């Protein structure tokens, strides 16, 4: 093979080497939701009794364990005086994983506005685990800082893990 042929073939060989190969390509899982869920009695956050939550998310989890996307929830609570007190949580996903069993977990940091006029809590670590398996519409487990809330059962809306 002469030099001219080698020079012409080099870009083609380089392009073929750099093409994604089946079985080696990075995969992504998209987790989406727009739903409302109920919490079991006794659930609390920061001393506030919780009845349920409304949440939305769009998170993309890569096979390398990284994640990007947003998570937002409103924890539906009651103050000590029995008045409604909603807690707003807005988070940015940074890492995640997906199981074969149909659940996904992602985590990152969030801002929490406890709804009582105090400044929001910033850079609070959070973890969300969603499961859309079984006969129910799914469940959501939420950890905010050191507080693990019990599994919330989705009653309205939907969640997908694709």
N, C-alpha and C. Protein backbone atom coordinates (compact mmCIF):
# COMPACT_ATOMS: atom_id res chain seq x y z
N UNK A 1 0.85 -1.18 0.00
CA UNK A 1 0.00 0.00 0.00
C UNK A 1 0.90 1.24 0.00
N UNK A 2 0.61 2.18 -0.87
CA UNK A 2 1.46 3.37 -0.92
C UNK A 2 1.01 4.42 0.10
N UNK A 3 1.87 5.42 0.27
CA UNK A 3 1.59 6.46 1.27
C UNK A 3 0.30 7.21 1.00
N UNK A 4 -0.02 7.49 -0.23
CA UNK A 4 -1.23 8.22 -0.58
C UNK A 4 -2.47 7.43 -0.15
N UNK A 5 -2.47 6.15 -0.36
CA UNK A 5 -3.60 5.31 0.04
C UNK A 5 -3.73 5.27 1.56
N UNK A 6 -2.60 5.21 2.25
CA UNK A 6 -2.63 5.20 3.72
C UNK A 6 -3.17 6.52 4.24
N UNK A 7 -2.73 7.63 3.66
CA UNK A 7 -3.20 8.95 4.09
C UNK A 7 -4.70 9.12 3.85
N UNK A 8 -5.19 8.58 2.76
CA UNK A 8 -6.63 8.67 2.47
C UNK A 8 -7.44 7.75 3.37
N UNK A 9 -6.91 6.62 3.74
CA UNK A 9 -7.63 5.65 4.57
C UNK A 9 -7.62 6.03 6.05
N UNK A 10 -6.63 6.79 6.49
CA UNK A 10 -6.49 7.11 7.92
C UNK A 10 -7.73 7.78 8.51
N UNK A 11 -8.31 8.80 7.85
CA UNK A 11 -9.51 9.42 8.43
C UNK A 11 -10.68 8.44 8.54
N UNK A 12 -10.84 7.57 7.57
CA UNK A 12 -11.92 6.58 7.61
C UNK A 12 -11.73 5.60 8.76
N UNK A 13 -10.52 5.13 8.95
CA UNK A 13 -10.22 4.21 10.05
C UNK A 13 -10.47 4.91 11.38
N UNK A 14 -10.03 6.15 11.51
CA UNK A 14 -10.24 6.90 12.74
C UNK A 14 -11.73 7.06 13.02
N UNK A 15 -12.50 7.36 12.00
CA UNK A 15 -13.95 7.52 12.18
C UNK A 15 -14.60 6.21 12.63
N UNK A 16 -14.19 5.11 12.05
CA UNK A 16 -14.76 3.81 12.43
C UNK A 16 -14.40 3.44 13.86
N UNK A 17 -13.19 3.76 14.29
CA UNK A 17 -12.77 3.45 15.65
C UNK A 17 -13.56 4.28 16.65
N UNK A 18 -13.89 5.52 16.30
CA UNK A 18 -14.58 6.42 17.21
C UNK A 18 -16.09 6.26 17.23
N UNK A 19 -16.65 5.50 16.29
CA UNK A 19 -18.10 5.28 16.29
C UNK A 19 -18.52 4.49 17.51
N UNK A 20 -19.69 4.80 18.10
CA UNK A 20 -20.16 3.99 19.22
C UNK A 20 -20.42 2.56 18.75
N UNK A 21 -20.07 1.62 19.60
CA UNK A 21 -20.27 0.21 19.27
C UNK A 21 -21.41 -0.36 20.09
N UNK A 22 -22.25 -1.20 19.49
CA UNK A 22 -23.33 -1.84 20.25
C UNK A 22 -22.74 -2.62 21.42
N UNK A 23 -23.42 -2.55 22.56
CA UNK A 23 -22.97 -3.27 23.74
C UNK A 23 -21.96 -2.48 24.55
N UNK A 24 -21.37 -1.43 23.98
CA UNK A 24 -20.41 -0.62 24.68
C UNK A 24 -20.98 0.78 24.91
N UNK A 25 -22.00 1.12 24.17
CA UNK A 25 -22.58 2.47 24.23
C UNK A 25 -23.18 2.74 25.61
N UNK A 26 -23.07 3.99 26.02
CA UNK A 26 -23.65 4.41 27.28
C UNK A 26 -25.17 4.47 27.13
N UNK A 27 -25.88 3.97 28.12
CA UNK A 27 -27.34 4.02 28.08
C UNK A 27 -27.83 5.02 29.09
N UNK A 28 -29.02 5.51 28.85
CA UNK A 28 -29.65 6.47 29.76
C UNK A 28 -31.05 6.00 30.10
N UNK A 29 -31.46 6.30 31.31
CA UNK A 29 -32.81 6.02 31.77
C UNK A 29 -33.45 7.35 32.15
N UNK A 30 -34.66 7.57 31.67
CA UNK A 30 -35.38 8.80 31.99
C UNK A 30 -36.46 8.48 33.02
N UNK A 31 -36.47 9.28 34.08
CA UNK A 31 -37.47 9.15 35.14
C UNK A 31 -38.32 10.41 35.11
N UNK A 32 -39.62 10.24 34.87
CA UNK A 32 -40.52 11.38 34.83
C UNK A 32 -41.71 11.13 35.75
N UNK A 33 -42.27 12.20 36.27
CA UNK A 33 -43.44 12.06 37.12
C UNK A 33 -44.14 13.39 37.25
N UNK A 34 -45.42 13.29 37.45
CA UNK A 34 -46.29 14.38 37.84
C UNK A 34 -47.39 13.70 38.63
N UNK A 35 -47.31 13.74 39.97
CA UNK A 35 -48.20 12.89 40.75
C UNK A 35 -48.45 13.48 42.14
N UNK A 36 -49.43 12.88 42.79
CA UNK A 36 -49.74 13.16 44.19
C UNK A 36 -49.72 11.83 44.93
N UNK A 37 -49.24 11.86 46.17
CA UNK A 37 -49.12 10.62 46.94
C UNK A 37 -49.51 10.87 48.39
N UNK A 38 -49.88 9.80 49.08
CA UNK A 38 -50.23 9.89 50.49
C UNK A 38 -49.12 9.25 51.33
N UNK A 39 -48.89 9.83 52.47
CA UNK A 39 -47.93 9.30 53.43
C UNK A 39 -48.69 8.63 54.57
N UNK A 40 -48.11 7.60 55.16
CA UNK A 40 -48.77 6.98 56.31
C UNK A 40 -48.83 7.94 57.49
N UNK A 41 -49.78 7.72 58.39
CA UNK A 41 -49.90 8.60 59.56
C UNK A 41 -48.62 8.52 60.38
N UNK A 42 -48.28 9.63 60.99
CA UNK A 42 -47.08 9.70 61.80
C UNK A 42 -45.88 10.27 61.06
N UNK A 43 -46.00 10.49 59.76
CA UNK A 43 -44.89 11.05 58.99
C UNK A 43 -44.70 12.52 59.37
N UNK A 44 -43.45 12.91 59.59
CA UNK A 44 -43.14 14.30 59.93
C UNK A 44 -41.85 14.73 59.26
N UNK A 45 -41.72 16.04 59.09
CA UNK A 45 -40.46 16.65 58.68
C UNK A 45 -40.28 17.93 59.46
N UNK A 46 -39.16 18.06 60.14
CA UNK A 46 -38.84 19.28 60.89
C UNK A 46 -39.94 19.61 61.90
N UNK A 47 -40.54 18.57 62.49
CA UNK A 47 -41.59 18.75 63.49
C UNK A 47 -42.97 19.03 62.92
N UNK A 48 -43.11 18.99 61.61
CA UNK A 48 -44.39 19.28 60.96
C UNK A 48 -45.02 17.96 60.53
N UNK A 49 -46.27 17.73 60.96
CA UNK A 49 -46.99 16.50 60.59
C UNK A 49 -47.33 16.56 59.10
N UNK A 50 -47.08 15.45 58.40
CA UNK A 50 -47.31 15.39 56.95
C UNK A 50 -48.41 14.40 56.61
N UNK A 51 -49.25 14.78 55.64
CA UNK A 51 -50.31 13.90 55.15
C UNK A 51 -49.96 13.29 53.80
N UNK A 52 -49.25 14.05 52.98
CA UNK A 52 -48.95 13.57 51.64
C UNK A 52 -48.03 14.54 50.93
N UNK A 53 -47.92 14.35 49.62
CA UNK A 53 -47.07 15.23 48.83
C UNK A 53 -47.51 15.25 47.38
N UNK A 54 -47.14 16.33 46.71
CA UNK A 54 -47.30 16.46 45.26
C UNK A 54 -45.89 16.61 44.72
N UNK A 55 -45.60 15.95 43.60
CA UNK A 55 -44.24 16.02 43.09
C UNK A 55 -44.19 15.94 41.58
N UNK A 56 -43.09 16.45 41.06
CA UNK A 56 -42.80 16.38 39.64
C UNK A 56 -41.30 16.21 39.46
N UNK A 57 -40.93 15.52 38.39
CA UNK A 57 -39.51 15.32 38.13
C UNK A 57 -39.27 15.00 36.67
N UNK A 58 -38.10 15.33 36.24
CA UNK A 58 -37.55 14.90 34.96
C UNK A 58 -36.07 14.72 35.22
N UNK A 59 -35.64 13.47 35.33
CA UNK A 59 -34.25 13.15 35.65
C UNK A 59 -33.76 12.12 34.64
N UNK A 60 -32.56 12.34 34.14
CA UNK A 60 -31.92 11.38 33.24
C UNK A 60 -30.73 10.78 33.97
N UNK A 61 -30.76 9.45 34.11
CA UNK A 61 -29.71 8.72 34.80
C UNK A 61 -28.86 7.99 33.76
N UNK A 62 -27.57 8.25 33.76
CA UNK A 62 -26.65 7.60 32.82
C UNK A 62 -26.10 6.32 33.42
N UNK A 63 -25.66 5.43 32.56
CA UNK A 63 -25.12 4.15 33.03
C UNK A 63 -23.83 4.32 33.83
N UNK A 64 -23.18 5.49 33.73
CA UNK A 64 -21.96 5.72 34.51
C UNK A 64 -22.26 6.21 35.93
N UNK A 65 -23.55 6.31 36.29
CA UNK A 65 -23.94 6.73 37.64
C UNK A 65 -24.19 8.21 37.80
N UNK A 66 -23.98 8.97 36.75
CA UNK A 66 -24.29 10.41 36.83
C UNK A 66 -25.77 10.62 36.51
N UNK A 67 -26.28 11.75 36.92
CA UNK A 67 -27.67 12.10 36.65
C UNK A 67 -27.78 13.60 36.46
N UNK A 68 -28.76 13.99 35.66
CA UNK A 68 -29.07 15.40 35.48
C UNK A 68 -30.59 15.54 35.53
N UNK A 69 -31.04 16.66 36.01
CA UNK A 69 -32.47 16.92 36.01
C UNK A 69 -32.94 17.55 37.29
N UNK A 70 -34.23 17.76 37.33
CA UNK A 70 -34.87 18.49 38.43
C UNK A 70 -35.88 17.61 39.15
N UNK A 71 -36.00 17.86 40.45
CA UNK A 71 -37.02 17.22 41.28
C UNK A 71 -37.67 18.33 42.10
N UNK A 72 -38.99 18.32 42.15
CA UNK A 72 -39.73 19.31 42.94
C UNK A 72 -40.84 18.59 43.67
N UNK A 73 -40.99 18.91 44.95
CA UNK A 73 -42.12 18.35 45.70
C UNK A 73 -42.66 19.38 46.68
N UNK A 74 -43.94 19.26 46.93
CA UNK A 74 -44.59 20.03 47.98
C UNK A 74 -45.06 19.03 49.02
N UNK A 75 -44.47 19.09 50.21
CA UNK A 75 -44.92 18.24 51.32
C UNK A 75 -46.13 18.90 51.93
N UNK A 76 -47.24 18.17 52.01
CA UNK A 76 -48.50 18.71 52.51
C UNK A 76 -48.58 18.45 54.01
N UNK A 77 -48.39 19.52 54.78
CA UNK A 77 -48.33 19.36 56.23
C UNK A 77 -49.30 20.22 56.99
N UNK A 78 -49.23 20.06 58.32
CA UNK A 78 -50.05 20.84 59.26
C UNK A 78 -49.16 21.34 60.38
N UNK A 79 -49.30 22.61 60.71
CA UNK A 79 -48.53 23.19 61.81
C UNK A 79 -49.03 22.63 63.14
N UNK A 80 -48.34 22.99 64.23
CA UNK A 80 -48.78 22.57 65.56
C UNK A 80 -50.21 23.00 65.85
N UNK A 81 -50.62 24.14 65.29
CA UNK A 81 -51.98 24.64 65.50
C UNK A 81 -53.01 24.02 64.56
N UNK A 82 -52.58 23.07 63.72
CA UNK A 82 -53.51 22.40 62.82
C UNK A 82 -53.74 23.12 61.50
N UNK A 83 -53.04 24.23 61.28
CA UNK A 83 -53.18 24.98 60.04
C UNK A 83 -52.33 24.34 58.93
N UNK A 84 -52.78 24.43 57.68
CA UNK A 84 -51.96 23.90 56.58
C UNK A 84 -50.59 24.58 56.54
N UNK A 85 -49.56 23.79 56.36
CA UNK A 85 -48.20 24.31 56.22
C UNK A 85 -47.48 23.46 55.18
N UNK A 86 -47.34 24.00 54.00
CA UNK A 86 -46.68 23.28 52.92
C UNK A 86 -45.19 23.55 52.92
N UNK A 87 -44.42 22.52 52.65
CA UNK A 87 -42.96 22.60 52.60
C UNK A 87 -42.56 22.39 51.15
N UNK A 88 -41.85 23.37 50.59
CA UNK A 88 -41.43 23.31 49.18
C UNK A 88 -39.99 22.82 49.09
N UNK A 89 -39.78 21.81 48.25
CA UNK A 89 -38.44 21.23 48.05
C UNK A 89 -38.12 21.30 46.56
N UNK A 90 -36.97 21.87 46.23
CA UNK A 90 -36.51 21.93 44.84
C UNK A 90 -35.09 21.39 44.79
N UNK A 91 -34.89 20.32 44.01
CA UNK A 91 -33.60 19.67 43.98
C UNK A 91 -33.04 19.50 42.58
N UNK A 92 -31.72 19.36 42.54
CA UNK A 92 -30.97 19.14 41.31
C UNK A 92 -30.28 17.78 41.45
N UNK A 93 -30.60 16.86 40.54
CA UNK A 93 -30.01 15.51 40.58
C UNK A 93 -28.57 15.54 40.08
N UNK A 94 -27.71 14.77 40.75
CA UNK A 94 -26.30 14.68 40.36
C UNK A 94 -25.84 13.24 40.11
N UNK A 95 -26.46 12.27 40.80
CA UNK A 95 -26.07 10.86 40.61
C UNK A 95 -27.32 10.00 40.71
N UNK A 96 -27.22 8.78 40.19
CA UNK A 96 -28.38 7.91 40.23
C UNK A 96 -28.07 6.49 39.79
N UNK A 97 -29.05 5.63 39.96
CA UNK A 97 -28.95 4.24 39.54
C UNK A 97 -30.34 3.71 39.26
N UNK A 98 -30.37 2.61 38.49
CA UNK A 98 -31.63 1.98 38.10
C UNK A 98 -31.50 0.50 38.37
N UNK A 99 -32.59 -0.12 38.88
CA UNK A 99 -32.57 -1.56 39.09
C UNK A 99 -33.39 -2.26 38.02
N UNK A 100 -33.11 -3.51 37.83
CA UNK A 100 -33.88 -4.31 36.88
C UNK A 100 -35.32 -4.45 37.36
N UNK A 101 -35.53 -4.37 38.65
CA UNK A 101 -36.86 -4.56 39.23
C UNK A 101 -37.81 -3.39 38.99
N UNK A 102 -37.37 -2.35 38.28
CA UNK A 102 -38.28 -1.26 37.95
C UNK A 102 -38.28 -0.11 38.93
N UNK A 103 -37.16 0.12 39.59
CA UNK A 103 -37.07 1.29 40.45
C UNK A 103 -35.82 2.08 40.09
N UNK A 104 -35.84 3.35 40.42
CA UNK A 104 -34.72 4.24 40.16
C UNK A 104 -34.47 5.07 41.40
N UNK A 105 -33.19 5.34 41.64
CA UNK A 105 -32.79 6.17 42.77
C UNK A 105 -31.88 7.27 42.24
N UNK A 106 -32.11 8.50 42.68
CA UNK A 106 -31.21 9.59 42.32
C UNK A 106 -31.04 10.50 43.52
N UNK A 107 -29.94 11.22 43.53
CA UNK A 107 -29.65 12.09 44.66
C UNK A 107 -28.93 13.34 44.18
N UNK A 108 -28.88 14.31 45.07
CA UNK A 108 -28.24 15.58 44.77
C UNK A 108 -28.40 16.50 45.95
N UNK A 109 -28.53 17.79 45.67
CA UNK A 109 -28.77 18.75 46.75
C UNK A 109 -30.01 19.56 46.42
N UNK A 110 -30.64 20.06 47.49
CA UNK A 110 -31.91 20.77 47.31
C UNK A 110 -32.00 21.98 48.22
N UNK A 111 -33.01 22.78 47.94
CA UNK A 111 -33.39 23.90 48.79
C UNK A 111 -34.76 23.57 49.37
N UNK A 112 -34.91 23.82 50.67
CA UNK A 112 -36.17 23.51 51.35
C UNK A 112 -36.72 24.78 51.99
N UNK A 113 -37.94 25.14 51.61
CA UNK A 113 -38.66 26.25 52.24
C UNK A 113 -39.73 25.63 53.11
N UNK A 114 -39.56 25.71 54.44
CA UNK A 114 -40.49 25.05 55.35
C UNK A 114 -41.82 25.77 55.48
N UNK A 115 -41.98 26.91 54.84
CA UNK A 115 -43.29 27.57 54.78
C UNK A 115 -43.71 28.31 56.03
N UNK A 116 -42.73 28.66 56.88
CA UNK A 116 -43.09 29.38 58.10
C UNK A 116 -42.47 30.78 58.16
N UNK A 117 -41.94 31.24 57.03
CA UNK A 117 -41.35 32.57 56.98
C UNK A 117 -39.87 32.60 57.28
N UNK A 118 -39.28 31.51 57.72
CA UNK A 118 -37.84 31.47 57.97
C UNK A 118 -37.10 31.31 56.64
N UNK A 119 -35.82 31.71 56.59
CA UNK A 119 -35.07 31.55 55.34
C UNK A 119 -35.00 30.08 54.91
N UNK A 120 -35.01 29.85 53.61
CA UNK A 120 -34.92 28.47 53.11
C UNK A 120 -33.61 27.80 53.53
N UNK A 121 -33.68 26.48 53.69
CA UNK A 121 -32.50 25.67 53.96
C UNK A 121 -31.87 25.37 52.61
N UNK A 122 -30.58 25.64 52.45
CA UNK A 122 -29.92 25.46 51.16
C UNK A 122 -28.90 24.32 51.21
N UNK A 123 -28.65 23.75 50.04
CA UNK A 123 -27.66 22.68 49.87
C UNK A 123 -27.90 21.48 50.78
N UNK A 124 -29.17 21.13 50.95
CA UNK A 124 -29.52 19.95 51.76
C UNK A 124 -29.42 18.72 50.86
N UNK A 125 -28.67 17.69 51.28
CA UNK A 125 -28.63 16.48 50.46
C UNK A 125 -30.00 15.79 50.43
N UNK A 126 -30.34 15.24 49.27
CA UNK A 126 -31.59 14.51 49.17
C UNK A 126 -31.37 13.25 48.36
N UNK A 127 -32.24 12.27 48.59
CA UNK A 127 -32.28 11.04 47.80
C UNK A 127 -33.73 10.70 47.54
N UNK A 128 -34.03 10.37 46.30
CA UNK A 128 -35.38 9.96 45.90
C UNK A 128 -35.29 8.56 45.31
N UNK A 129 -36.18 7.67 45.73
CA UNK A 129 -36.31 6.35 45.12
C UNK A 129 -37.75 6.21 44.65
N UNK A 130 -37.91 5.98 43.36
CA UNK A 130 -39.24 5.79 42.79
C UNK A 130 -39.35 4.36 42.30
N UNK A 131 -40.53 3.81 42.48
CA UNK A 131 -40.80 2.45 42.01
C UNK A 131 -42.16 2.46 41.35
N UNK A 132 -42.21 1.93 40.15
CA UNK A 132 -43.49 1.89 39.43
C UNK A 132 -43.92 0.45 39.18
N UNK A 133 -43.47 -0.46 40.03
CA UNK A 133 -43.82 -1.87 39.87
C UNK A 133 -45.00 -2.21 40.76
N UNK A 134 -45.58 -3.35 40.50
CA UNK A 134 -46.70 -3.81 41.32
C UNK A 134 -48.03 -3.31 40.80
N UNK A 135 -49.05 -3.57 41.57
CA UNK A 135 -50.41 -3.20 41.16
C UNK A 135 -50.75 -1.75 41.44
N UNK A 136 -50.01 -1.11 42.34
CA UNK A 136 -50.30 0.29 42.65
C UNK A 136 -49.73 1.18 41.55
N UNK A 137 -50.00 2.48 41.66
CA UNK A 137 -49.46 3.44 40.70
C UNK A 137 -47.99 3.73 40.99
N UNK A 138 -47.47 3.18 42.07
CA UNK A 138 -46.06 3.36 42.41
C UNK A 138 -45.87 3.98 43.77
N UNK A 139 -44.60 4.05 44.16
CA UNK A 139 -44.25 4.65 45.45
C UNK A 139 -43.06 5.57 45.26
N UNK A 140 -42.94 6.48 46.20
CA UNK A 140 -41.81 7.40 46.24
C UNK A 140 -41.27 7.41 47.66
N UNK A 141 -39.97 7.21 47.78
CA UNK A 141 -39.29 7.35 49.08
C UNK A 141 -38.38 8.56 48.99
N UNK A 142 -38.41 9.39 50.03
CA UNK A 142 -37.67 10.64 50.02
C UNK A 142 -36.85 10.76 51.31
N UNK A 143 -35.57 11.08 51.14
CA UNK A 143 -34.68 11.36 52.26
C UNK A 143 -34.22 12.80 52.09
N UNK A 144 -34.46 13.61 53.11
CA UNK A 144 -34.03 15.01 53.11
C UNK A 144 -33.06 15.19 54.27
N UNK A 145 -31.79 15.39 53.97
CA UNK A 145 -30.79 15.48 55.02
C UNK A 145 -30.76 14.19 55.80
N UNK A 146 -30.99 14.27 57.12
CA UNK A 146 -31.00 13.10 57.99
C UNK A 146 -32.40 12.51 58.18
N UNK A 147 -33.40 13.06 57.52
CA UNK A 147 -34.78 12.61 57.70
C UNK A 147 -35.22 11.71 56.56
N UNK A 148 -35.55 10.46 56.89
CA UNK A 148 -36.11 9.52 55.91
C UNK A 148 -37.61 9.48 56.08
N UNK A 149 -38.33 9.90 55.07
CA UNK A 149 -39.79 9.82 55.13
C UNK A 149 -40.23 8.42 54.73
N UNK A 150 -41.36 7.96 55.27
CA UNK A 150 -41.85 6.64 54.85
C UNK A 150 -42.31 6.66 53.40
N UNK A 151 -42.44 5.50 52.81
CA UNK A 151 -42.85 5.40 51.41
C UNK A 151 -44.22 6.05 51.22
N UNK A 152 -44.29 6.90 50.22
CA UNK A 152 -45.56 7.55 49.86
C UNK A 152 -46.15 6.79 48.68
N UNK A 153 -47.43 6.45 48.78
CA UNK A 153 -48.11 5.72 47.72
C UNK A 153 -48.82 6.69 46.77
N UNK A 154 -48.49 6.57 45.50
CA UNK A 154 -49.07 7.45 44.49
C UNK A 154 -50.57 7.16 44.37
N UNK A 155 -51.38 8.23 44.43
CA UNK A 155 -52.82 8.07 44.29
C UNK A 155 -53.36 8.74 43.03
N UNK A 156 -52.64 9.76 42.53
CA UNK A 156 -53.07 10.46 41.31
C UNK A 156 -51.83 10.75 40.48
N UNK A 157 -52.02 10.81 39.16
CA UNK A 157 -50.92 11.11 38.27
C UNK A 157 -50.18 9.86 37.84
N UNK A 158 -48.93 10.06 37.43
CA UNK A 158 -48.16 8.92 36.94
C UNK A 158 -46.67 9.13 37.12
N UNK A 159 -45.95 8.01 37.09
CA UNK A 159 -44.49 8.00 37.09
C UNK A 159 -44.05 7.02 36.01
N UNK A 160 -42.97 7.34 35.32
CA UNK A 160 -42.41 6.42 34.35
C UNK A 160 -40.91 6.32 34.53
N UNK A 161 -40.39 5.12 34.29
CA UNK A 161 -38.96 4.86 34.31
C UNK A 161 -38.68 4.17 32.99
N UNK A 162 -38.02 4.88 32.06
CA UNK A 162 -37.77 4.32 30.73
C UNK A 162 -36.32 4.48 30.34
